[in-house]
Amino acid sequence: MTQSTETETIWVTQEAFERLQEELEHLKTDVRADITAKISAARDEGDLSENGGYHAAREEQGKNEARIRQLEDRLRRAEVGDKPADDGLVEAGMKVTIRFAGDTDTETFLLGSRELLSMDSAVDLDVYSPTSPLGAAILDKKVGDEATYEAPTGSTITVQIVDAVPF
């Protein structure tokens, strides 16, 4: 996992913000203490060059510290808001269904950030940022409206908003 260098604001509900804070606190206290104990116990065994337990604990420590940095970054960039109203207006925190012009199939995704999905959620949705080309194009549109945006390839894409409900 790499640390994010983005400066983009992440929209989250109060519930998601608190869940991230709890995870961060758990990683900084309980998990760090557990890993420190594992490293200490492995050091007491002697030669570290061939000590698998020591190397595994150090790798676990690296992953834990990377996740801590990631959570701190996300919490620093978080903008806490209420769940959006169920009024068909596309906003962050909405599950949006669109149809691409000339196509009969629809695509449903979450407009917001991955943090809105619960850690134990069985929901398998793609997530689009409100600042992505598609997200920015449909933001503040209503069900039935069309929006056009430029794809990374440079082509112009038109979509129709089929549904927008709070996630």
Foldseek 3Di string as FASTA:
>chain_A
DAADPDLAAFEEAPVLLVVLVVVLVCLVPVVVVVLVVQLVVQVVVPDPVPRPSNVVSVVVVVVSVRSNNNSVSNSVRYDYDHFDDFPQFDDQQKFWWKDWPPGDDIATAHETDPSRADPPHPDDHHYHYCPPQVNVQRHRPGQQDKGWGADPVRDIIIMGTHGIGGD
